[in-house]
Amino acid sequence: MIKKAIVPAAGYGTRSLPITKVLPKEMFPIKGKPSIHYIVEEAVEAGIEEILIIVSKYKNLIVDYFDVSLELEAFLESRNKVELLDKLTLPKVHIQYTRQPYARGLGDAIRLGRSFAGNDPFVVLLPDDIILTRGANATKQLVDLYQTVEAPVIALKYIKDELLHKYGVVDVITQKDQLHSIKSIVEKPKVSPPSNLAVVGRYVMTPDIFDCISTKQDRFDGEIQFTDAIKELISLRTCYGYEIEGDRFDIGIEEEYVNLIQYVHHLHEQNQTN
């Protein structure tokens, strides 16, 4: 059973400037809770017991959020507002943190989790991607599949042609229904994408991925790309892609973030009606 998860949250959030100068995108509110709260809840619901959040020195708000606020609790009790204490409830999971000193890409951030993962398979959840499901959440879908295939599994979504240049796109051999064996992966293809199946921010990885993350992968922009590491891993062993069920929203895109807020509000109204 997979018990560990890595959540990279050290980026500058340049797509959402200027607000991300002062507010990490992982703290963007969704019905009163920051987006990263939903990510941690998803991991816990999938059976994760330990989470490593990769932060930078500008992301102390994330650390503070998942800490206990004894002063605030005491204040609410002293003002007879104990009904608000439930709003301070945090997911029951062990969270630890490490800092990424320099913004050197997703691959570099995940590399920092090597000692945390040890010899165990682990989940990577990208907090940009909020995936809402009606059944098993996105992480649980991948974790359950890993128990069968015992190999790395990457979450996929069908993406329209005109948007594929924004994603890592896979070339696959279909195994069964939503399950595919990955032949190759291309990061943000400008021409001739290999398929319409794009990688979205959920992965189940095995520890050998760390040997594939190398500083030799530095590109012209100085970043170490996780896609390059996955590409090398695919050359060494079987890796799978799975078309996850659920509605996916990228909170780094303003229009999708607004759509997410409306979607969650609509779901809340439906639940109250039912």
Protein backbone atom coordinates (compact mmCIF):
# COMPACT_ATOMS: atom_id res chain seq x y z
CA MET A 1 0.00 0.00 0.00
CA ILE A 2 1.27 3.47 -0.86
CA LYS A 3 1.57 5.64 2.24
CA LYS A 4 3.74 8.58 1.13
CA ALA A 5 3.10 11.64 -1.02
CA ILE A 6 5.18 14.55 -2.26
CA VAL A 7 3.52 17.91 -2.95
CA PRO A 8 5.79 20.38 -4.80
CA ALA A 9 4.74 23.90 -3.78
CA ALA A 10 7.88 26.01 -4.19
CA GLY A 11 7.24 27.74 -7.52
CA TYR A 12 6.85 31.47 -7.98
CA GLY A 13 3.36 31.20 -9.47
CA THR A 14 4.30 33.50 -12.35
CA ARG A 15 1.12 32.71 -14.28
CA SER A 16 -0.92 34.34 -11.53
CA LEU A 17 1.10 37.50 -10.93
CA PRO A 18 0.78 40.03 -9.39
CA ILE A 19 -1.23 38.43 -6.54
CA THR A 20 1.37 35.67 -6.11
CA LYS A 21 3.90 38.28 -5.02
CA VAL A 22 2.23 38.07 -1.61
CA LEU A 23 -0.14 35.08 -1.74
CA PRO A 24 1.09 31.63 -2.84
CA LYS A 25 -1.24 30.16 -5.48
CA GLU A 26 -1.54 27.10 -3.24
CA MET A 27 -3.40 29.37 -0.82
CA PHE A 28 -5.97 30.59 -3.36
CA PRO A 29 -9.34 30.15 -1.60
CA ILE A 30 -11.95 27.67 -2.72
CA LYS A 31 -15.09 28.04 -0.62
CA GLY A 32 -13.14 29.25 2.39
CA LYS A 33 -10.31 26.69 2.24
CA PRO A 34 -7.00 27.11 0.41
CA SER A 35 -6.49 24.93 -2.64
CA ILE A 36 -3.66 22.98 -1.00
CA HIS A 37 -6.10 21.88 1.73
CA TYR A 38 -8.06 20.04 -0.97
CA ILE A 39 -4.83 18.43 -2.21
CA VAL A 40 -3.93 17.17 1.27
CA GLU A 41 -7.49 15.92 1.84
CA GLU A 42 -7.34 14.02 -1.45
CA ALA A 43 -4.10 12.35 -0.41
CA VAL A 44 -5.50 11.34 2.99
CA GLU A 45 -8.66 9.92 1.42
CA ALA A 46 -6.41 7.80 -0.82
CA GLY A 47 -4.72 6.25 2.22
CA ILE A 48 -1.64 8.49 2.42
CA GLU A 49 -0.18 8.78 5.93
CA GLU A 50 2.93 10.93 5.34
CA ILE A 51 3.20 14.03 3.16
CA LEU A 52 6.29 16.01 2.21
CA ILE A 53 5.52 19.53 0.98
CA ILE A 54 8.32 21.19 -0.97
CA VAL A 55 8.28 24.91 -0.19
CA SER A 56 10.47 27.97 -0.68
CA LYS A 57 11.27 30.75 1.75
CA TYR A 58 8.32 32.69 0.32
CA LYS A 59 5.79 29.99 1.20
CA ASN A 60 5.64 30.25 4.99
CA LEU A 61 1.87 30.77 4.78
CA ILE A 62 1.52 27.12 3.78
CA VAL A 63 3.48 25.97 6.83
CA ASP A 64 1.49 28.28 9.08
CA TYR A 65 -1.83 27.06 7.68
CA PHE A 66 -1.17 23.43 8.58
CA ASP A 67 -0.02 24.36 12.08
CA VAL A 68 -2.29 24.42 15.13
CA SER A 69 -3.38 27.92 16.19
CA LEU A 70 -3.78 27.67 19.95
CA GLU A 71 -4.27 31.43 20.29
CA LEU A 72 -7.13 31.50 17.81
CA GLU A 73 -8.77 28.47 19.40
CA ALA A 74 -8.54 30.09 22.83
CA PHE A 75 -10.00 33.32 21.44
CA LEU A 76 -13.00 31.52 19.91
CA GLU A 77 -13.66 29.64 23.15
CA SER A 78 -13.43 32.84 25.20
CA ARG A 79 -15.99 34.51 22.92
CA ASN A 80 -18.37 31.51 23.00
CA LYS A 81 -17.79 30.86 19.31
CA VAL A 82 -16.95 27.19 19.75
CA GLU A 83 -19.08 26.31 16.72
CA LEU A 84 -16.32 27.88 14.60
CA LEU A 85 -13.68 25.50 15.94
CA ASP A 86 -14.75 22.89 13.38
CA LYS A 87 -13.56 25.25 10.65
CA LEU A 88 -10.03 24.92 12.03
CA THR A 89 -9.99 21.13 11.68
CA LEU A 90 -7.04 19.96 9.58
CA PRO A 91 -6.60 16.65 7.74
CA LYS A 92 -5.20 13.97 10.05
CA VAL A 93 -1.84 13.22 8.42
CA HIS A 94 1.82 13.71 9.23
CA ILE A 95 3.16 16.65 7.20
CA GLN A 96 6.79 17.65 6.93
CA TYR A 97 8.52 20.26 4.81
CA THR A 98 11.73 20.86 2.95
CA ARG A 99 12.86 23.94 1.08
CA GLN A 100 13.85 24.19 -2.56
CA PRO A 101 16.58 26.85 -2.38
CA TYR A 102 16.39 27.80 -6.05
CA ALA A 103 13.56 27.64 -8.58
CA ARG A 104 15.10 24.95 -10.78
CA GLY A 105 11.99 23.20 -11.98
CA LEU A 106 9.62 20.43 -10.96
CA GLY A 107 12.21 17.70 -11.40
CA ASP A 108 14.55 19.39 -8.95
CA ALA A 109 11.74 19.86 -6.42
CA ILE A 110 10.79 16.18 -6.52
CA ARG A 111 14.47 15.18 -6.29
CA LEU A 112 14.50 16.75 -2.81
CA GLY A 113 12.06 14.05 -1.66
CA ARG A 114 14.48 11.17 -2.22
CA SER A 115 15.31 10.52 1.43
CA PHE A 116 11.65 10.97 2.37
CA ALA A 117 10.50 8.35 -0.14
CA GLY A 118 13.31 5.91 0.64
CA ASN A 119 12.62 2.59 -1.05
CA ASP A 120 8.86 3.04 -1.14
CA PRO A 121 6.55 3.93 -4.02
CA PHE A 122 4.98 7.34 -3.55
CA VAL A 123 2.44 9.75 -5.00
CA VAL A 124 3.18 13.17 -6.48
CA LEU A 125 0.31 15.67 -6.36
CA LEU A 126 0.69 19.02 -8.13
CA PRO A 127 -1.32 21.64 -6.25
CA ASP A 128 -2.07 23.61 -9.44
CA ASP A 129 -4.48 20.86 -10.45
CA ILE A 130 -7.72 20.47 -8.53
CA ILE A 131 -9.58 17.35 -9.67
CA LEU A 132 -13.14 16.87 -8.45
CA THR A 133 -14.73 13.45 -8.71
CA ARG A 134 -18.02 11.84 -7.82
CA GLY A 135 -16.45 8.51 -6.88
CA ALA A 136 -12.90 7.62 -5.91
CA ASN A 137 -10.66 10.68 -6.05
CA ALA A 138 -7.90 11.00 -8.65
CA THR A 139 -5.09 9.89 -6.34
CA LYS A 140 -7.02 6.86 -5.12
CA GLN A 141 -7.73 5.84 -8.71
CA LEU A 142 -3.99 5.73 -9.40
CA VAL A 143 -3.08 4.12 -6.07
CA ASP A 144 -5.64 1.35 -6.59
CA LEU A 145 -4.33 0.74 -10.11
CA TYR A 146 -0.75 0.55 -8.83
CA GLN A 147 -1.74 -2.38 -6.64
CA THR A 148 -2.51 -4.27 -9.86
CA VAL A 149 0.24 -3.19 -12.26
CA GLU A 150 3.01 -2.56 -9.68
CA ALA A 151 4.58 0.02 -11.96
CA PRO A 152 4.61 3.82 -12.27
CA VAL A 153 1.22 5.25 -13.21
CA ILE A 154 0.59 8.75 -14.60
CA ALA A 155 -2.77 10.52 -14.67
CA LEU A 156 -3.99 11.43 -18.16
CA LYS A 157 -6.80 13.54 -19.57
CA TYR A 158 -8.08 13.96 -23.13
CA ILE A 159 -7.19 17.51 -24.22
CA LYS A 160 -8.32 19.40 -27.33
CA ASP A 161 -5.78 19.82 -30.13
CA GLU A 162 -5.36 23.58 -29.68
CA LEU A 163 -4.38 23.20 -26.00
CA LEU A 164 -1.88 20.35 -26.24
CA HIS A 165 1.08 22.74 -26.53
CA LYS A 166 0.58 23.56 -22.83
CA TYR A 167 1.02 19.98 -21.57
CA GLY A 168 3.22 16.95 -21.50
CA VAL A 169 1.65 14.64 -24.11
CA VAL A 170 2.08 10.86 -24.29
CA ASP A 171 2.28 8.31 -27.07
CA VAL A 172 0.60 5.12 -25.88
CA ILE A 173 -0.37 1.56 -26.56
CA THR A 174 -3.89 1.04 -25.23
CA GLN A 175 -4.15 -1.90 -22.84
CA LYS A 176 -7.76 -1.76 -21.74
CA ASP A 177 -10.33 1.04 -21.63
CA GLN A 178 -8.66 3.91 -19.72
CA LEU A 179 -5.34 2.10 -19.16
CA HIS A 180 -2.43 2.67 -21.53
CA SER A 181 1.20 1.58 -21.72
CA ILE A 182 3.29 4.69 -22.38
CA LYS A 183 5.70 4.56 -25.33
CA SER A 184 7.04 8.11 -25.02
CA ILE A 185 6.26 11.55 -23.64
CA VAL A 186 6.80 15.00 -25.16
CA GLU A 187 6.82 18.19 -23.12
CA LYS A 188 4.65 20.95 -24.59
CA PRO A 189 4.83 19.86 -28.23
CA LYS A 190 4.70 22.80 -30.64
CA VAL A 191 3.90 20.58 -33.64
CA SER A 192 2.63 17.04 -34.20
CA PRO A 193 1.67 15.97 -30.65
CA PRO A 194 1.70 12.16 -30.40
CA SER A 195 -1.90 11.96 -29.09
CA ASN A 196 -4.60 13.93 -27.31
CA LEU A 197 -3.71 12.38 -23.96
CA ALA A 198 -2.01 14.94 -21.72
CA VAL A 199 -0.39 14.44 -18.34
CA VAL A 200 -2.21 16.08 -15.43
CA GLY A 201 -0.85 16.61 -11.95
CA ARG A 202 -1.09 13.18 -10.32
CA TYR A 203 1.59 10.50 -10.46
CA VAL A 204 2.43 7.25 -8.71
CA MET A 205 6.20 6.86 -8.86
CA THR A 206 8.67 4.21 -7.83
CA PRO A 207 12.01 5.12 -6.19
CA ASP A 208 14.00 4.49 -9.39
CA ILE A 209 12.65 7.79 -10.72
CA PHE A 210 15.23 9.57 -8.57
CA ASP A 211 18.09 8.00 -10.53
CA CYS A 212 16.48 9.44 -13.67
CA ILE A 213 16.41 12.99 -12.29
CA SER A 214 19.79 14.37 -13.17
CA THR A 215 21.34 17.84 -13.21
CA LYS A 216 22.46 16.92 -16.72
CA GLN A 217 18.86 17.56 -17.71
CA ASP A 218 19.32 21.31 -17.22
CA ARG A 219 17.77 23.07 -20.18
CA PHE A 220 18.59 26.52 -21.56
CA ASP A 221 16.41 28.01 -18.82
CA GLY A 222 18.30 26.19 -16.07
CA GLU A 223 15.35 24.04 -15.02
CA ILE A 224 15.33 20.29 -14.38
CA GLN A 225 12.20 18.91 -15.99
CA PHE A 226 10.27 16.05 -14.42
CA THR A 227 9.10 15.09 -17.92
CA ASP A 228 12.71 14.36 -18.92
CA ALA A 229 13.08 12.04 -15.94
CA ILE A 230 9.84 10.23 -16.81
CA LYS A 231 11.03 9.86 -20.40
CA GLU A 232 14.18 8.12 -19.16
CA LEU A 233 12.17 5.94 -16.78
CA ILE A 234 9.97 4.84 -19.70
CA SER A 235 13.09 3.68 -21.53
CA LEU A 236 14.03 1.49 -18.56
CA ARG A 237 10.74 -0.08 -17.50
CA THR A 238 7.03 -0.26 -18.24
CA CYS A 239 5.11 2.84 -17.23
CA TYR A 240 1.37 3.28 -17.48
CA GLY A 241 -0.99 6.14 -18.12
CA TYR A 242 -4.54 6.14 -16.84
CA GLU A 243 -7.36 8.39 -18.02
CA ILE A 244 -8.69 9.45 -14.67
CA GLU A 245 -12.35 10.13 -14.03
CA GLY A 246 -13.23 13.58 -12.76
CA ASP A 247 -13.30 17.27 -13.63
CA ARG A 248 -9.88 18.91 -13.63
CA PHE A 249 -9.21 22.61 -13.06
CA ASP A 250 -5.87 24.43 -13.34
CA ILE A 251 -5.93 27.21 -10.74
CA GLY A 252 -3.01 28.92 -12.47
CA ILE A 253 -5.39 29.83 -15.31
CA GLU A 254 -7.76 32.56 -14.17
CA GLU A 255 -10.72 31.36 -16.23
CA GLU A 256 -10.39 27.80 -14.87
CA TYR A 257 -10.04 29.08 -11.31
CA VAL A 258 -13.26 31.07 -11.68
CA ASN A 259 -14.99 28.03 -13.19
CA LEU A 260 -13.79 25.94 -10.25
CA ILE A 261 -15.25 28.39 -7.71
CA GLN A 262 -18.59 28.30 -9.53
CA TYR A 263 -18.47 24.51 -9.81
CA VAL A 264 -17.82 24.01 -6.10
CA HIS A 265 -20.52 26.53 -5.19
CA HIS A 266 -22.99 24.67 -7.42
CA LEU A 267 -22.07 21.33 -5.82
CA HIS A 268 -22.58 22.84 -2.36
CA GLU A 269 -26.02 24.11 -3.31
CA GLN A 270 -26.94 20.70 -4.72
CA ASN A 271 -25.86 18.97 -1.51
CA GLN A 272 -27.89 21.36 0.60
CA THR A 273 -30.95 20.77 -1.58
CA ASN A 274 -30.57 17.00 -1.32
